[in-house]
Protein backbone atom coordinates (compact mmCIF):
# COMPACT_ATOMS: atom_id res chain seq x y z
CA MET A 1 101.29 -32.60 62.49
CA ALA A 2 97.14 -33.51 62.87
CA GLU A 3 95.77 -31.64 60.03
CA ARG A 4 93.17 -29.03 60.76
CA GLY A 5 89.39 -29.40 59.42
CA GLU A 6 87.56 -26.93 57.24
CA GLY A 7 85.30 -26.01 60.21
CA SER A 8 88.85 -25.33 62.67
CA ASP A 9 89.35 -21.94 63.73
CA GLU A 10 92.60 -21.46 62.78
CA GLY A 11 92.85 -17.54 61.01
CA LYS A 12 90.10 -16.45 63.76
CA PHE A 13 91.26 -13.08 65.16
CA ASP A 14 88.91 -13.30 68.02
CA GLY A 15 91.48 -14.15 70.51
CA SER A 16 90.83 -18.02 70.42
CA GLU A 17 93.34 -19.02 67.44
CA GLU A 18 96.69 -21.02 68.12
CA PRO A 19 99.72 -19.47 68.40
CA SER A 20 101.40 -19.11 65.77
CA PRO A 21 104.10 -21.40 64.73
CA LEU A 22 107.69 -21.00 65.15
CA GLY A 23 107.05 -18.35 67.71
CA ALA A 24 106.11 -15.52 64.60
CA ALA A 25 104.70 -12.71 66.06
CA GLU A 26 100.79 -12.11 66.06
CA PRO A 27 99.49 -10.65 63.18
CA MET A 28 98.79 -6.29 63.59
CA VAL A 29 94.75 -5.80 63.88
CA VAL A 30 93.85 -3.00 61.94
CA GLY A 31 90.67 -1.07 62.62
CA PRO A 32 89.13 -0.48 65.81
CA GLU A 33 89.46 -2.70 68.58
CA ARG A 34 86.84 -4.85 69.73
CA ALA A 35 86.00 -6.50 73.21
CA ALA A 36 84.82 -9.94 73.43
CA GLY A 37 81.38 -10.84 71.45
CA GLY A 38 82.64 -8.65 68.58
CA ARG A 39 81.72 -5.43 70.28
CA GLN A 40 83.66 -2.38 69.39
CA MET A 41 85.29 -0.23 72.10
CA PRO A 42 84.96 3.53 72.14
CA TRP A 43 87.23 5.91 71.28
CA THR A 44 86.51 8.18 74.61
CA ALA A 45 89.73 8.78 75.42
CA ARG A 46 91.04 9.83 72.51
CA ARG A 47 88.10 12.14 72.34
CA SER A 48 88.25 13.58 75.50
CA ARG A 49 92.10 14.60 74.93
CA SER A 50 91.70 16.26 71.80
CA TRP A 51 88.57 18.60 72.78
CA LYS A 52 90.59 19.75 75.81
CA TRP A 53 93.55 20.76 73.46
CA TRP A 54 91.00 23.03 71.68
CA LEU A 55 90.15 24.44 74.98
CA VAL A 56 93.20 25.58 76.16
CA VAL A 57 94.39 26.81 72.37
CA ALA A 58 91.22 28.86 72.56
CA ALA A 59 92.21 30.19 76.08
CA GLY A 60 95.29 30.68 75.25
CA ILE A 61 94.56 33.35 72.28
CA VAL A 62 91.69 35.42 74.36
CA VAL A 63 94.83 35.89 76.92
CA LEU A 64 96.89 36.78 74.10
CA ALA A 65 93.99 39.38 72.69
CA LEU A 66 93.38 40.68 75.87
CA LEU A 67 96.71 41.27 77.64
CA PRO A 68 97.22 44.79 75.62
CA PRO A 69 94.10 45.95 77.11
CA ILE A 70 94.67 44.64 80.27
CA VAL A 71 98.21 46.59 80.70
CA LYS A 72 97.00 49.71 79.33
CA GLY A 73 93.93 49.80 81.84
CA PHE A 74 96.37 50.39 84.73
CA LYS A 75 96.89 53.97 85.08
CA LYS A 76 98.16 56.46 87.49
CA THR A 77 98.54 60.32 87.46
CA PRO A 78 101.46 62.57 87.48
CA ARG A 79 101.86 65.13 89.98
CA ASN A 80 100.94 67.73 87.95
CA ARG A 81 98.11 66.13 86.11
CA ILE A 82 94.79 65.31 87.65
CA GLY A 83 92.66 62.99 85.46
CA ILE A 84 88.72 62.52 84.49
CA SER A 85 88.05 58.47 84.01
CA TYR A 86 84.96 57.67 81.50
CA GLY A 87 84.60 54.24 80.35
CA GLY A 88 82.88 53.20 77.02
CA GLY A 89 84.65 50.31 75.53
CA PRO A 90 83.42 48.16 72.71
CA ILE A 91 80.03 47.39 73.97
CA GLU A 92 79.33 49.85 76.24
CA GLY A 93 78.54 53.66 75.91
CA ALA A 94 80.59 56.72 77.10
CA HIS A 95 79.93 57.66 80.49
CA TYR A 96 81.58 59.36 83.43
CA GLN A 97 83.34 58.12 85.75
CA GLY A 98 85.17 60.07 88.03
CA ILE A 99 87.94 62.38 89.12
CA ILE A 100 91.33 60.93 89.70
CA GLN A 101 93.37 63.68 91.96
CA PRO A 102 97.02 64.63 91.06
CA GLY A 103 100.00 62.21 92.26
CA SER A 104 97.77 58.70 92.45
CA ASN A 105 99.14 55.49 92.73
CA LEU A 106 98.90 52.60 90.13
CA PHE A 107 95.29 51.69 89.56
CA PHE A 108 92.49 50.18 87.47
CA ASN A 109 90.88 52.31 85.01
CA GLY A 110 88.89 49.52 83.22
CA LEU A 111 89.31 48.23 80.34
CA PHE A 112 89.03 50.44 76.50
CA ASP A 113 88.30 52.97 79.44
CA SER A 114 89.79 56.60 78.75
CA LEU A 115 91.69 58.86 81.27
CA TYR A 116 92.18 62.53 80.33
CA LEU A 117 94.79 64.02 81.58
CA TYR A 118 94.51 67.92 82.13
CA PRO A 119 97.17 70.65 83.47
CA SER A 120 96.67 71.21 87.42
CA ASP A 121 99.61 73.72 88.08
CA GLN A 122 99.96 77.21 87.27
CA GLN A 123 99.75 77.87 83.50
CA ASN A 124 100.63 80.89 81.71
CA TYR A 125 99.83 82.65 78.29
CA ILE A 126 102.61 85.72 77.22
CA ILE A 127 102.70 87.71 74.03
CA SER A 128 106.44 88.92 73.63
CA LEU A 129 108.22 90.69 71.22
CA GLN A 130 111.43 88.22 72.04
CA ARG A 131 111.40 85.34 69.66
CA GLY A 132 110.95 81.92 71.53
CA VAL A 133 109.80 83.62 74.98
CA GLY A 134 105.98 84.18 74.44
CA ALA A 135 103.02 81.17 73.32
CA GLN A 136 104.05 82.63 69.81
CA LYS A 137 107.62 81.33 69.00
CA SER A 138 107.34 84.38 66.78
CA PRO A 139 107.74 88.13 67.80
CA ASP A 140 103.81 89.31 69.17
CA SER A 141 102.43 92.15 70.46
CA ILE A 142 98.98 93.56 71.06
CA VAL A 143 98.74 97.52 69.42
CA ALA A 144 95.86 99.57 71.11
CA PRO A 145 95.29 103.22 70.35
CA THR A 146 95.25 105.88 73.07
CA SER A 147 92.52 108.79 73.25
CA ASP A 148 94.68 110.57 71.38
CA ARG A 149 95.36 108.25 68.39
CA VAL A 150 99.00 107.43 69.57
CA GLN A 151 99.49 103.85 68.75
CA VAL A 152 100.60 101.36 72.04
CA THR A 153 102.78 98.54 71.30
CA TYR A 154 102.10 96.46 74.42
CA GLN A 155 103.82 93.14 75.95
CA VAL A 156 101.88 91.38 78.41
CA ALA A 157 101.31 88.05 80.34
CA VAL A 158 98.81 86.14 81.62
CA TYR A 159 99.12 83.83 84.40
CA PHE A 160 95.83 80.98 85.84
CA LYS A 161 95.41 77.42 87.04
CA LEU A 162 92.18 75.48 85.63
CA ASN A 163 89.33 75.50 87.64
CA THR A 164 89.23 71.86 88.76
CA ASN A 165 86.04 72.07 90.83
CA ILE A 166 83.79 72.01 87.18
CA LEU A 167 86.35 69.82 85.53
CA ARG A 168 84.01 67.32 84.40
CA ARG A 169 81.90 70.49 82.80
CA PHE A 170 85.34 71.79 81.44
CA HIS A 171 85.82 68.77 80.04
CA GLU A 172 82.53 67.74 78.34
CA GLN A 173 82.07 72.04 77.07
CA LEU A 174 85.41 72.55 75.55
CA GLY A 175 88.07 69.81 76.06
CA LEU A 176 86.78 67.18 73.88
CA GLN A 177 86.43 70.07 71.51
CA TYR A 178 89.90 71.49 71.35
CA LYS A 179 90.99 67.86 72.35
CA ALA A 180 92.61 69.64 75.25
CA TYR A 181 94.13 67.19 76.78
CA THR A 182 97.29 67.40 74.42
CA GLY A 183 99.56 69.74 74.33
CA LEU A 184 98.48 71.33 71.05
CA GLY A 185 94.70 71.03 71.77
CA TRP A 186 95.59 72.81 74.96
CA TYR A 187 97.67 75.61 73.00
CA ASN A 188 94.39 76.50 71.05
CA LEU A 189 91.96 76.26 73.51
CA ILE A 190 94.01 78.61 75.11
CA ARG A 191 95.15 80.86 72.22
CA ASP A 192 91.54 81.46 70.87
CA THR A 193 89.82 82.34 74.56
CA PHE A 194 92.58 84.39 75.90
CA ARG A 195 93.76 86.16 72.99
CA GLN A 196 90.86 87.44 71.81
CA GLN A 197 89.86 88.82 75.48
CA ILE A 198 93.23 90.40 75.94
CA GLU A 199 93.05 92.41 72.98
CA ASN A 200 89.31 93.55 73.72
CA ALA A 201 90.02 94.79 77.40
CA LEU A 202 93.44 96.12 76.54
CA GLN A 203 91.93 98.39 73.38
CA GLU A 204 88.49 99.23 75.32
CA GLU A 205 90.79 100.55 78.27
CA THR A 206 93.80 102.39 76.38
CA ARG A 207 91.73 104.24 74.64
CA ARG A 208 90.39 105.99 77.62
CA LEU A 209 93.93 107.50 77.69
CA THR A 210 96.59 109.55 76.77
CA VAL A 211 99.94 108.96 75.53
CA ASN A 212 101.01 111.01 78.67
CA GLN A 213 99.38 109.18 81.00
CA ILE A 214 100.21 105.86 80.08
CA PHE A 215 103.70 106.79 79.48
CA GLY A 216 104.56 109.34 81.88
CA ASP A 217 102.68 108.10 85.05
CA SER A 218 103.48 104.79 86.62
CA GLN A 219 100.45 105.09 88.68
CA GLN A 220 98.32 105.30 85.47
CA LEU A 221 99.60 102.40 83.83
CA VAL A 222 98.94 100.50 87.55
CA ALA A 223 95.63 101.20 87.18
CA LEU A 224 95.15 100.08 83.86
CA GLN A 225 96.70 97.00 84.48
CA GLN A 226 94.16 95.96 87.35
CA ARG A 227 91.13 97.09 85.01
CA VAL A 228 92.17 95.00 82.13
CA GLN A 229 92.76 92.21 84.74
CA GLY A 230 88.93 92.46 85.82
CA LYS A 231 87.65 92.64 82.24
CA ILE A 232 89.45 89.23 81.34
CA SER A 233 87.68 87.45 83.47
CA GLN A 234 84.58 88.76 83.01
CA ASN A 235 84.59 88.46 79.34
CA LEU A 236 86.06 84.49 79.49
CA GLU A 237 83.42 84.09 81.98
CA GLY A 238 80.51 85.70 79.47
CA ALA A 239 82.09 84.14 76.75
CA LEU A 240 82.27 80.30 78.21
CA GLY A 241 79.61 80.35 80.10
CA ALA A 242 81.36 79.61 83.02
CA ARG A 243 84.42 80.63 85.06
CA PHE A 244 86.98 77.40 83.88
CA PHE A 245 90.24 79.74 84.40
CA CYS A 246 91.24 80.77 88.15
CA SER A 247 94.06 82.93 89.80
CA PRO A 248 97.42 80.99 90.24
CA ASP A 249 97.25 80.34 93.71
CA PHE A 250 93.84 78.57 93.54
CA SER A 251 93.32 75.53 95.08
CA ALA A 252 90.78 72.31 94.82
CA GLY A 253 87.73 73.30 96.87
CA GLY A 254 89.07 76.75 97.26
CA LEU A 255 87.82 80.36 95.31
CA CYS A 256 88.44 80.22 92.29
CA GLY A 257 90.11 84.46 91.81
CA GLU A 258 90.79 86.27 89.28
CA PRO A 259 94.07 85.23 86.24
CA ARG A 260 96.71 87.22 87.14
CA PHE A 261 97.33 89.76 84.55
CA VAL A 262 100.86 91.84 84.19
CA ILE A 263 102.09 94.62 81.49
CA LYS A 264 105.76 93.66 80.91
CA ALA A 265 106.30 96.55 78.45
CA VAL A 266 105.12 99.08 76.74
CA GLY A 267 106.20 100.91 73.48
CA LEU A 268 105.37 103.74 71.21
CA PRO A 269 106.16 104.69 68.09
CA ALA A 270 109.85 106.56 67.51
CA SER A 271 108.89 109.83 66.86
CA VAL A 272 106.57 110.03 69.46
CA THR A 273 109.03 108.96 72.10
CA ASN A 274 111.51 110.91 71.07
CA ALA A 275 108.68 113.76 71.18
CA PHE A 276 108.16 112.68 74.57
CA ASN A 277 111.57 112.56 75.74
CA ALA A 278 112.45 115.89 74.41
CA PHE A 279 109.44 117.35 76.49
CA ARG A 280 110.09 115.52 79.81
CA ALA A 281 113.43 116.77 79.73
CA ALA A 282 112.15 120.12 79.42
CA GLN A 283 109.62 119.86 82.18
CA SER A 284 112.55 118.21 84.22
CA GLU A 285 114.70 121.49 83.12
CA ALA A 286 111.65 123.52 84.28
CA ASP A 287 111.60 122.55 87.33
CA ALA A 288 115.03 122.58 88.17
CA ILE A 289 115.30 126.18 88.02
CA ARG A 290 112.34 126.83 89.62
CA THR A 291 114.24 124.44 92.50
CA LEU A 292 117.22 126.55 92.42
CA GLY A 293 115.27 130.11 91.90
CA LEU A 294 117.66 130.92 89.36
CA SER A 295 116.45 132.96 86.24
CA PRO A 296 116.55 131.33 82.82
CA ASP A 297 119.90 133.02 82.19
CA GLN A 298 121.57 131.86 85.35
CA TYR A 299 120.62 128.40 85.24
CA ASN A 300 122.24 128.38 81.62
CA PHE A 301 125.67 129.80 83.23
CA TYR A 302 124.98 127.29 86.69
CA LYS A 303 125.13 124.08 83.74
CA ALA A 304 127.82 125.67 81.46
CA ILE A 305 130.04 125.72 84.86
CA SER A 306 128.58 122.27 85.97
CA SER A 307 129.39 120.87 82.42
CA GLY A 308 133.29 121.87 82.86
CA LYS A 309 132.97 124.75 79.44
CA VAL A 310 133.79 127.66 81.37
CA ASN A 311 136.98 128.26 83.56
CA PHE A 312 136.20 129.13 86.98
CA TRP A 313 138.57 131.15 89.02
CA VAL A 314 138.68 132.43 92.92
CA LEU A 315 139.55 135.66 93.22
CA PRO A 316 140.77 137.57 97.06
CA SER A 317 137.74 139.84 98.18
CA GLY A 318 138.38 143.87 98.17
CA GLY A 319 138.62 146.03 94.88
CA GLY A 320 137.57 145.30 91.00
CA ILE A 321 140.17 143.14 89.39
CA THR A 322 139.70 143.19 85.14
CA ILE A 323 141.16 140.25 83.55
CA ALA A 324 141.32 139.77 79.86
CA GLY A 325 139.68 136.72 78.65
CA PRO A 326 141.41 134.94 76.07
CA SER A 327 141.15 135.48 72.46
CA THR A 328 139.29 133.25 70.05
CA SER A 329 139.91 134.69 66.75
CA GLY A 330 143.79 133.06 67.20
CA GLY A 331 145.28 136.12 65.13
CA SER A 332 143.75 135.13 61.67
CA SER A 333 143.82 138.03 59.29
CA GLY A 334 139.65 138.95 58.97
CA SER A 335 138.29 137.55 61.70
CA LEU A 336 137.43 139.98 64.90
CA PRO A 337 138.81 139.44 68.35
CA SER A 338 136.52 138.36 71.08
CA PRO A 339 135.90 140.96 73.64
CA PRO A 340 137.35 140.63 76.47
CA SER A 341 135.56 139.54 79.89
CA THR A 342 135.85 141.45 83.11
CA THR A 343 135.74 139.75 86.06
CA THR A 344 134.83 142.69 89.32
CA THR A 345 135.30 141.08 92.72
CA SER A 346 133.88 142.35 95.77
CA PRO A 347 133.75 141.23 99.60
CA THR A 348 130.61 139.37 99.11
CA SER A 349 130.59 138.14 95.37
CA THR A 350 132.45 137.65 92.24
CA THR A 351 131.09 137.88 88.79
CA THR A 352 132.16 137.32 85.56
CA ARG A 353 130.50 138.87 82.75
CA PRO A 354 131.33 139.61 78.84
CA ALA A 355 133.42 143.38 78.72
CA GLY A 356 131.14 145.95 77.31
CA ARG A 357 127.93 145.34 78.45
């Protein structure tokens, strides 16, 4: 085997060395690859793959972060709710965007934008003594004095619709203040606005009437109901600055009208009710006496016969017949017998009267 000189290239790793003896594997080169002439090859491919990977990861994180707001940005309105849309994301100020009519299809409202829903169907405010029926779950009523100082108890109801023609003004003036787009907020708003005006109108109009006019005259009660309805509408508009509540038959774009007020029941103190019923019965009795053309004694006799407390016989006419009435003493000692009654018949009439008169 020829020996290599000192100047031989054995052990060089520049690609010019001879193959390793005995078929051994070529030694592994640690460090950057070098091109011919000793120049280092750039790591362009590896660096490119790393940059793209991090870009994909970052994009995935952004998509995951924005996915819930994007999904929440799709909205639709129920058939009995009207929506009002406001922009106001993390980088923009709150601003009005538009009205969404009831029963709309799915639409994109915007990232982080708000859609407030209000009732577009008929609403009511009921004051009732029956538990669980009225707006207040416990028994409730309104008390108002008459001109003759009798306390009258009212159970009432108001039926209305929200004036959607001026929904933006309502939302910005009252809706945001009460959070009326929520169930509790809507209840608080209606209670604070309607309850006070109903009480004021009822008390004002009741003072103009006597208890007899309210309790005994249906026409007076109907007229009272109509006057209170007008006052409630006027007072609401004066207190709130606009007619935010309309009649129950209101439709968008049409005339507003007045909320409908109905008196469900009228109550009086028991003592007043008993006295009034007795007076009304006496008045009815007097009217019956005048209608029949009878004297008071004749009317009492007529009532006794009608109630079955008097036995009445039909006797043949002609000649007088005297019939002794039954004794009520029962034969007991110390009691005086009742005087017999005498019944006299004539061709034209039959009269029964106590004997001895």
